[in-house]
Amino acid sequence: LKQEQESLEYEFRLVTAQKEAEKVKIEAQGKADANKILSASLTDKILQDKGIEATIKLAESPNSKVVVIGSGDSGMPIILGNQ
């Protein structure tokens, strides 16, 4: 009886692990698909606009302790702050 219970417990753990692995795989595939769609629609101009929006939000924040200087290779400002 004890061996049978141990066998059933092992089988349950195995099935549970397989279901969890399948869940993780499905989630990863969903993220990969979303990233593929997103990256197809992103342009340098859109990314630059997002960078400008983020810089404005930083400038408006009362808790902000960063320095924004010049421009990096991508045309975006270089932000120095607490790391």
PDB file of N, CA and C in Angstrom:
ATOM      1  N   LEU A   1       0.835  -1.200   0.000  1.00  0.00           N
ATOM      2  CA  LEU A   1       0.000   0.000   0.000  1.00  0.00           C
ATOM      3  C   LEU A   1       0.877   1.261   0.000  1.00  0.00           C
ATOM      4  N   LYS A   2       1.938   1.229   0.802  1.00  0.00           N
ATOM      5  CA  LYS A   2       2.825   2.386   0.870  1.00  0.00           C
ATOM      6  C   LYS A   2       3.526   2.625  -0.468  1.00  0.00           C
ATOM      7  N   GLN A   3       3.969   1.542  -1.104  1.00  0.00           N
ATOM      8  CA  GLN A   3       4.622   1.676  -2.414  1.00  0.00           C
ATOM      9  C   GLN A   3       3.654   2.231  -3.445  1.00  0.00           C
ATOM     10  N   GLU A   4       2.419   1.795  -3.379  1.00  0.00           N
ATOM     11  CA  GLU A   4       1.411   2.276  -4.322  1.00  0.00           C
ATOM     12  C   GLU A   4       1.170   3.770  -4.130  1.00  0.00           C
ATOM     13  N   GLN A   5       1.098   4.211  -2.880  1.00  0.00           N
ATOM     14  CA  GLN A   5       0.905   5.628  -2.596  1.00  0.00           C
ATOM     15  C   GLN A   5       2.099   6.446  -3.080  1.00  0.00           C
ATOM     16  N   GLU A   6       3.308   5.937  -2.860  1.00  0.00           N
ATOM     17  CA  GLU A   6       4.505   6.634  -3.319  1.00  0.00           C
ATOM     18  C   GLU A   6       4.534   6.720  -4.841  1.00  0.00           C
ATOM     19  N   SER A   7       4.103   5.640  -5.481  1.00  0.00           N
ATOM     20  CA  SER A   7       4.050   5.612  -6.936  1.00  0.00           C
ATOM     21  C   SER A   7       3.042   6.630  -7.459  1.00  0.00           C
ATOM     22  N   LEU A   8       1.878   6.699  -6.829  1.00  0.00           N
ATOM     23  CA  LEU A   8       0.854   7.656  -7.224  1.00  0.00           C
ATOM     24  C   LEU A   8       1.329   9.094  -6.974  1.00  0.00           C
ATOM     25  N   GLU A   9       2.011   9.300  -5.863  1.00  0.00           N
ATOM     26  CA  GLU A   9       2.534  10.630  -5.562  1.00  0.00           C
ATOM     27  C   GLU A   9       3.581  11.043  -6.604  1.00  0.00           C
ATOM     28  N   TYR A  10       4.453  10.115  -6.970  1.00  0.00           N
ATOM     29  CA  TYR A  10       5.474  10.397  -7.983  1.00  0.00           C
ATOM     30  C   TYR A  10       4.812  10.731  -9.317  1.00  0.00           C
ATOM     31  N   GLU A  11       3.809   9.948  -9.671  1.00  0.00           N
ATOM     32  CA  GLU A  11       3.095  10.177 -10.931  1.00  0.00           C
ATOM     33  C   GLU A  11       2.406  11.548 -10.921  1.00  0.00           C
ATOM     34  N   PHE A  12       1.805  11.903  -9.793  1.00  0.00           N
ATOM     35  CA  PHE A  12       1.150  13.205  -9.652  1.00  0.00           C
ATOM     36  C   PHE A  12       2.164  14.335  -9.816  1.00  0.00           C
ATOM     37  N   ARG A  13       3.312  14.207  -9.172  1.00  0.00           N
ATOM     38  CA  ARG A  13       4.349  15.231  -9.285  1.00  0.00           C
ATOM     39  C   ARG A  13       4.851  15.356 -10.716  1.00  0.00           C
ATOM     40  N   LEU A  14       4.992  14.230 -11.381  1.00  0.00           N
ATOM     41  CA  LEU A  14       5.451  14.223 -12.763  1.00  0.00           C
ATOM     42  C   LEU A  14       4.453  14.938 -13.668  1.00  0.00           C
ATOM     43  N   VAL A  15       3.189  14.622 -13.518  1.00  0.00           N
ATOM     44  CA  VAL A  15       2.142  15.254 -14.334  1.00  0.00           C
ATOM     45  C   VAL A  15       2.080  16.748 -14.030  1.00  0.00           C
ATOM     46  N   THR A  16       2.187  17.109 -12.758  1.00  0.00           N
ATOM     47  CA  THR A  16       2.171  18.515 -12.365  1.00  0.00           C
ATOM     48  C   THR A  16       3.344  19.269 -12.978  1.00  0.00           C
ATOM     49  N   ALA A  17       4.530  18.676 -12.937  1.00  0.00           N
ATOM     50  CA  ALA A  17       5.719  19.307 -13.517  1.00  0.00           C
ATOM     51  C   ALA A  17       5.564  19.465 -15.026  1.00  0.00           C
ATOM     52  N   GLN A  18       4.983  18.466 -15.681  1.00  0.00           N
ATOM     53  CA  GLN A  18       4.781  18.547 -17.129  1.00  0.00           C
ATOM     54  C   GLN A  18       3.790  19.658 -17.480  1.00  0.00           C
ATOM     55  N   LYS A  19       2.729  19.784 -16.694  1.00  0.00           N
ATOM     56  CA  LYS A  19       1.741  20.840 -16.939  1.00  0.00           C
ATOM     57  C   LYS A  19       2.365  22.216 -16.707  1.00  0.00           C
ATOM     58  N   GLU A  20       3.184  22.341 -15.674  1.00  0.00           N
ATOM     59  CA  GLU A  20       3.849  23.610 -15.399  1.00  0.00           C
ATOM     60  C   GLU A  20       4.815  23.963 -16.530  1.00  0.00           C
ATOM     61  N   ALA A  21       5.542  22.974 -17.021  1.00  0.00           N
ATOM     62  CA  ALA A  21       6.468  23.217 -18.130  1.00  0.00           C
ATOM     63  C   ALA A  21       5.715  23.660 -19.378  1.00  0.00           C
ATOM     64  N   GLU A  22       4.584  23.056 -19.645  1.00  0.00           N
ATOM     65  CA  GLU A  22       3.760  23.439 -20.802  1.00  0.00           C
ATOM     66  C   GLU A  22       3.224  24.860 -20.636  1.00  0.00           C
ATOM     67  N   LYS A  23       2.818  25.200 -19.407  1.00  0.00           N
ATOM     68  CA  LYS A  23       2.325  26.549 -19.122  1.00  0.00           C
ATOM     69  C   LYS A  23       3.424  27.583 -19.380  1.00  0.00           C
ATOM     70  N   VAL A  24       4.616  27.306 -18.895  1.00  0.00           N
ATOM     71  CA  VAL A  24       5.738  28.233 -19.089  1.00  0.00           C
ATOM     72  C   VAL A  24       6.058  28.379 -20.571  1.00  0.00           C
ATOM     73  N   LYS A  25       6.002  27.271 -21.297  1.00  0.00           N
ATOM     74  CA  LYS A  25       6.267  27.297 -22.739  1.00  0.00           C
ATOM     75  C   LYS A  25       5.225  28.138 -23.474  1.00  0.00           C
ATOM     76  N   ILE A  26       3.964  27.993 -23.116  1.00  0.00           N
ATOM     77  CA  ILE A  26       2.892  28.757 -23.754  1.00  0.00           C
ATOM     78  C   ILE A  26       3.051  30.247 -23.446  1.00  0.00           C
ATOM     79  N   GLU A  27       3.379  30.565 -22.181  1.00  0.00           N
ATOM     80  CA  GLU A  27       3.586  31.973 -21.819  1.00  0.00           C
ATOM     81  C   GLU A  27       4.756  32.578 -22.598  1.00  0.00           C
ATOM     82  N   ALA A  28       5.832  31.816 -22.717  1.00  0.00           N
ATOM     83  CA  ALA A  28       7.006  32.302 -23.449  1.00  0.00           C
ATOM     84  C   ALA A  28       6.670  32.526 -24.924  1.00  0.00           C
ATOM     85  N   GLN A  29       5.905  31.628 -25.509  1.00  0.00           N
ATOM     86  CA  GLN A  29       5.510  31.780 -26.904  1.00  0.00           C
ATOM     87  C   GLN A  29       4.637  33.013 -27.081  1.00  0.00           C
ATOM     88  N   GLY A  30       3.740  33.252 -26.125  1.00  0.00           N
ATOM     89  CA  GLY A  30       2.893  34.442 -26.178  1.00  0.00           C
ATOM     90  C   GLY A  30       3.719  35.718 -26.118  1.00  0.00           C
ATOM     91  N   LYS A  31       4.718  35.742 -25.230  1.00  0.00           N
ATOM     92  CA  LYS A  31       5.586  36.911 -25.126  1.00  0.00           C
ATOM     93  C   LYS A  31       6.405  37.094 -26.405  1.00  0.00           C
ATOM     94  N   ALA A  32       6.883  35.992 -26.962  1.00  0.00           N
ATOM     95  CA  ALA A  32       7.664  36.074 -28.201  1.00  0.00           C
ATOM     96  C   ALA A  32       6.807  36.617 -29.341  1.00  0.00           C
ATOM     97  N   ASP A  33       5.566  36.148 -29.431  1.00  0.00           N
ATOM     98  CA  ASP A  33       4.657  36.641 -30.471  1.00  0.00           C
ATOM     99  C   ASP A  33       4.371  38.130 -30.286  1.00  0.00           C
ATOM    100  N   ALA A  34       4.127  38.541 -29.037  1.00  0.00           N
ATOM    101  CA  ALA A  34       3.857  39.954 -28.760  1.00  0.00           C
ATOM    102  C   ALA A  34       5.068  40.813 -29.106  1.00  0.00           C
ATOM    103  N   ASN A  35       6.262  40.338 -28.757  1.00  0.00           N
ATOM    104  CA  ASN A  35       7.481  41.096 -29.076  1.00  0.00           C
ATOM    105  C   ASN A  35       7.682  41.216 -30.584  1.00  0.00           C
ATOM    106  N   LYS A  36       7.360  40.166 -31.301  1.00  0.00           N
ATOM    107  CA  LYS A  36       7.507  40.191 -32.758  1.00  0.00           C
ATOM    108  C   LYS A  36       6.573  41.241 -33.373  1.00  0.00           C
ATOM    109  N   ILE A  37       5.344  41.273 -32.892  1.00  0.00           N
ATOM    110  CA  ILE A  37       4.368  42.251 -33.390  1.00  0.00           C
ATOM    111  C   ILE A  37       4.810  43.668 -33.022  1.00  0.00           C
ATOM    112  N   LEU A  38       5.244  43.844 -31.778  1.00  0.00           N
ATOM    113  CA  LEU A  38       5.664  45.170 -31.325  1.00  0.00           C
ATOM    114  C   LEU A  38       6.885  45.661 -32.093  1.00  0.00           C
ATOM    115  N   SER A  39       7.880  44.826 -32.253  1.00  0.00           N
ATOM    116  CA  SER A  39       9.100  45.274 -32.921  1.00  0.00           C
ATOM    117  C   SER A  39       8.863  45.564 -34.405  1.00  0.00           C
ATOM    118  N   ALA A  40       7.855  44.943 -34.999  1.00  0.00           N
ATOM    119  CA  ALA A  40       7.544  45.220 -36.397  1.00  0.00           C
ATOM    120  C   ALA A  40       6.950  46.616 -36.566  1.00  0.00           C
ATOM    121  N   SER A  41       6.328  47.134 -35.488  1.00  0.00           N
ATOM    122  CA  SER A  41       5.680  48.439 -35.597  1.00  0.00           C
ATOM    123  C   SER A  41       6.532  49.585 -35.057  1.00  0.00           C
ATOM    124  N   LEU A  42       7.634  49.272 -34.400  1.00  0.00           N
ATOM    125  CA  LEU A  42       8.475  50.327 -33.831  1.00  0.00           C
ATOM    126  C   LEU A  42       9.412  50.899 -34.887  1.00  0.00           C
ATOM    127  N   THR A  43       9.476  52.210 -34.907  1.00  0.00           N
ATOM    128  CA  THR A  43      10.425  52.891 -35.785  1.00  0.00           C
ATOM    129  C   THR A  43      11.330  53.747 -34.918  1.00  0.00           C
ATOM    130  N   ASP A  44      12.416  54.240 -35.492  1.00  0.00           N
ATOM    131  CA  ASP A  44      13.323  55.109 -34.752  1.00  0.00           C
ATOM    132  C   ASP A  44      12.603  56.356 -34.255  1.00  0.00           C
ATOM    133  N   LYS A  45      11.695  56.884 -35.069  1.00  0.00           N
ATOM    134  CA  LYS A  45      10.960  58.097 -34.687  1.00  0.00           C
ATOM    135  C   LYS A  45      10.040  57.833 -33.500  1.00  0.00           C
ATOM    136  N   ILE A  46       9.376  56.691 -33.508  1.00  0.00           N
ATOM    137  CA  ILE A  46       8.491  56.349 -32.387  1.00  0.00           C
ATOM    138  C   ILE A  46       9.311  56.190 -31.110  1.00  0.00           C
ATOM    139  N   LEU A  47      10.440  55.495 -31.203  1.00  0.00           N
ATOM    140  CA  LEU A  47      11.297  55.305 -30.033  1.00  0.00           C
ATOM    141  C   LEU A  47      11.841  56.645 -29.530  1.00  0.00           C
ATOM    142  N   GLN A  48      12.195  57.524 -30.442  1.00  0.00           N
ATOM    143  CA  GLN A  48      12.695  58.840 -30.055  1.00  0.00           C
ATOM    144  C   GLN A  48      11.593  59.629 -29.339  1.00  0.00           C
ATOM    145  N   ASP A  49      10.374  59.551 -29.847  1.00  0.00           N
ATOM    146  CA  ASP A  49       9.245  60.233 -29.219  1.00  0.00           C
ATOM    147  C   ASP A  49       9.000  59.686 -27.815  1.00  0.00           C
ATOM    148  N   LYS A  50       9.070  58.368 -27.650  1.00  0.00           N
ATOM    149  CA  LYS A  50       8.904  57.756 -26.325  1.00  0.00           C
ATOM    150  C   LYS A  50      10.006  58.228 -25.379  1.00  0.00           C
ATOM    151  N   GLY A  51      11.216  58.351 -25.908  1.00  0.00           N
ATOM    152  CA  GLY A  51      12.331  58.840 -25.103  1.00  0.00           C
ATOM    153  C   GLY A  51      12.113  60.270 -24.652  1.00  0.00           C
ATOM    154  N   ILE A  52      11.577  61.092 -25.527  1.00  0.00           N
ATOM    155  CA  ILE A  52      11.280  62.489 -25.193  1.00  0.00           C
ATOM    156  C   ILE A  52      10.200  62.543 -24.107  1.00  0.00           C
ATOM    157  N   GLU A  53       9.157  61.718 -24.258  1.00  0.00           N
ATOM    158  CA  GLU A  53       8.093  61.667 -23.251  1.00  0.00           C
ATOM    159  C   GLU A  53       8.652  61.263 -21.884  1.00  0.00           C
ATOM    160  N   ALA A  54       9.530  60.259 -21.870  1.00  0.00           N
ATOM    161  CA  ALA A  54      10.122  59.807 -20.608  1.00  0.00           C
ATOM    162  C   ALA A  54      10.989  60.894 -19.995  1.00  0.00           C
ATOM    163  N   THR A  55      11.729  61.630 -20.817  1.00  0.00           N
ATOM    164  CA  THR A  55      12.579  62.719 -20.332  1.00  0.00           C
ATOM    165  C   THR A  55      11.724  63.828 -19.715  1.00  0.00           C
ATOM    166  N   ILE A  56      10.603  64.141 -20.340  1.00  0.00           N
ATOM    167  CA  ILE A  56       9.695  65.157 -19.810  1.00  0.00           C
ATOM    168  C   ILE A  56       9.145  64.708 -18.449  1.00  0.00           C
ATOM    169  N   LYS A  57       8.738  63.445 -18.344  1.00  0.00           N
ATOM    170  CA  LYS A  57       8.224  62.934 -17.071  1.00  0.00           C
ATOM    171  C   LYS A  57       9.290  63.012 -15.983  1.00  0.00           C
ATOM    172  N   LEU A  58      10.531  62.682 -16.330  1.00  0.00           N
ATOM    173  CA  LEU A  58      11.619  62.795 -15.357  1.00  0.00           C
ATOM    174  C   LEU A  58      11.800  64.233 -14.903  1.00  0.00           C
ATOM    175  N   ALA A  59      11.739  65.149 -15.836  1.00  0.00           N
ATOM    176  CA  ALA A  59      11.935  66.567 -15.516  1.00  0.00           C
ATOM    177  C   ALA A  59      10.815  67.085 -14.619  1.00  0.00           C
ATOM    178  N   GLU A  60       9.614  66.557 -14.774  1.00  0.00           N
ATOM    179  CA  GLU A  60       8.470  67.024 -13.992  1.00  0.00           C
ATOM    180  C   GLU A  60       8.387  66.374 -12.613  1.00  0.00           C
ATOM    181  N   SER A  61       9.107  65.294 -12.394  1.00  0.00           N
ATOM    182  CA  SER A  61       9.029  64.563 -11.132  1.00  0.00           C
ATOM    183  C   SER A  61       9.766  65.300 -10.015  1.00  0.00           C
ATOM    184  N   PRO A  62       9.097  65.521  -8.861  1.00  0.00           N
ATOM    185  CA  PRO A  62       9.757  66.210  -7.756  1.00  0.00           C
ATOM    186  C   PRO A  62      10.840  65.358  -7.087  1.00  0.00           C
ATOM    187  N   ASN A  63      10.785  64.043  -7.268  1.00  0.00           N
ATOM    188  CA  ASN A  63      11.758  63.144  -6.644  1.00  0.00           C
ATOM    189  C   ASN A  63      12.919  62.801  -7.562  1.00  0.00           C
ATOM    190  N   SER A  64      12.919  63.354  -8.725  1.00  0.00           N
ATOM    191  CA  SER A  64      13.917  63.019  -9.727  1.00  0.00           C
ATOM    192  C   SER A  64      15.290  63.560  -9.342  1.00  0.00           C
ATOM    193  N   LYS A  65      16.290  62.702  -9.392  1.00  0.00           N
ATOM    194  CA  LYS A  65      17.671  63.107  -9.126  1.00  0.00           C
ATOM    195  C   LYS A  65      18.535  62.573 -10.258  1.00  0.00           C
ATOM    196  N   VAL A  66      18.314  63.119 -11.432  1.00  0.00           N
ATOM    197  CA  VAL A  66      19.050  62.676 -12.612  1.00  0.00           C
ATOM    198  C   VAL A  66      19.611  63.875 -13.358  1.00  0.00           C
ATOM    199  N   VAL A  67      20.591  63.590 -14.185  1.00  0.00           N
ATOM    200  CA  VAL A  67      21.154  64.612 -15.055  1.00  0.00           C
ATOM    201  C   VAL A  67      20.968  64.128 -16.484  1.00  0.00           C
ATOM    202  N   VAL A  68      20.342  64.951 -17.314  1.00  0.00           N
ATOM    203  CA  VAL A  68      20.128  64.615 -18.714  1.00  0.00           C
ATOM    204  C   VAL A  68      21.051  65.511 -19.528  1.00  0.00           C
ATOM    205  N   ILE A  69      21.936  64.863 -20.301  1.00  0.00           N
ATOM    206  CA  ILE A  69      22.888  65.657 -21.073  1.00  0.00           C
ATOM    207  C   ILE A  69      22.916  65.222 -22.528  1.00  0.00           C
ATOM    208  N   GLY A  70      23.183  66.159 -23.394  1.00  0.00           N
ATOM    209  CA  GLY A  70      23.477  65.905 -24.796  1.00  0.00           C
ATOM    210  C   GLY A  70      22.659  64.832 -25.449  1.00  0.00           C
ATOM    211  N   SER A  71      23.345  64.090 -26.265  1.00  0.00           N
ATOM    212  CA  SER A  71      22.682  63.071 -27.055  1.00  0.00           C
ATOM    213  C   SER A  71      23.612  61.876 -27.223  1.00  0.00           C
ATOM    214  N   GLY A  72      23.042  60.679 -27.077  1.00  0.00           N
ATOM    215  CA  GLY A  72      23.814  59.467 -27.298  1.00  0.00           C
ATOM    216  C   GLY A  72      23.865  59.123 -28.773  1.00  0.00           C
ATOM    217  N   ASP A  73      24.434  57.985 -29.083  1.00  0.00           N
ATOM    218  CA  ASP A  73      24.556  57.546 -30.479  1.00  0.00           C
ATOM    219  C   ASP A  73      23.210  57.398 -31.175  1.00  0.00           C
ATOM    220  N   SER A  74      22.183  57.051 -30.394  1.00  0.00           N
ATOM    221  CA  SER A  74      20.865  56.826 -30.990  1.00  0.00           C
ATOM    222  C   SER A  74      20.054  58.108 -31.130  1.00  0.00           C
ATOM    223  N   GLY A  75      20.638  59.249 -30.735  1.00  0.00           N
ATOM    224  CA  GLY A  75      19.899  60.498 -30.792  1.00  0.00           C
ATOM    225  C   GLY A  75      19.107  60.765 -29.530  1.00  0.00           C
ATOM    226  N   MET A  76      19.129  59.832 -28.589  1.00  0.00           N
ATOM    227  CA  MET A  76      18.409  59.993 -27.335  1.00  0.00           C
ATOM    228  C   MET A  76      19.334  60.634 -26.312  1.00  0.00           C
ATOM    229  N   PRO A  77      18.756  61.381 -25.359  1.00  0.00           N
ATOM    230  CA  PRO A  77      19.602  61.988 -24.331  1.00  0.00           C
ATOM    231  C   PRO A  77      20.262  60.919 -23.457  1.00  0.00           C
ATOM    232  N   ILE A  78      21.405  61.251 -22.927  1.00  0.00           N
ATOM    233  CA  ILE A  78      22.098  60.372 -21.995  1.00  0.00           C
ATOM    234  C   ILE A  78      21.629  60.759 -20.600  1.00  0.00           C
ATOM    235  N   ILE A  79      21.112  59.799 -19.847  1.00  0.00           N
ATOM    236  CA  ILE A  79      20.565  60.076 -18.524  1.00  0.00           C
ATOM    237  C   ILE A  79      21.487  59.474 -17.479  1.00  0.00           C
ATOM    238  N   LEU A  80      21.997  60.313 -16.596  1.00  0.00           N
ATOM    239  CA  LEU A  80      22.856  59.870 -15.510  1.00  0.00           C
ATOM    240  C   LEU A  80      22.071  60.017 -14.212  1.00  0.00           C
ATOM    241  N   GLY A  81      22.090  58.990 -13.387  1.00  0.00           N
ATOM    242  CA  GLY A  81      21.356  59.081 -12.131  1.00  0.00           C
ATOM    243  C   GLY A  81      21.867  58.067 -11.138  1.00  0.00           C
ATOM    244  N   ASN A  82      21.079  57.859 -10.095  1.00  0.00           N
ATOM    245  CA  ASN A  82      21.452  56.894  -9.056  1.00  0.00           C
ATOM    246  C   ASN A  82      21.312  55.482  -9.605  1.00  0.00           C
ATOM    247  N   GLN A  83      22.397  54.737  -9.601  1.00  0.00           N
ATOM    248  CA  GLN A  83      22.326  53.344 -10.057  1.00  0.00           C
ATOM    249  C   GLN A  83      22.560  52.414  -8.910  1.00  0.00           C
TER     250      GLN A  83
END
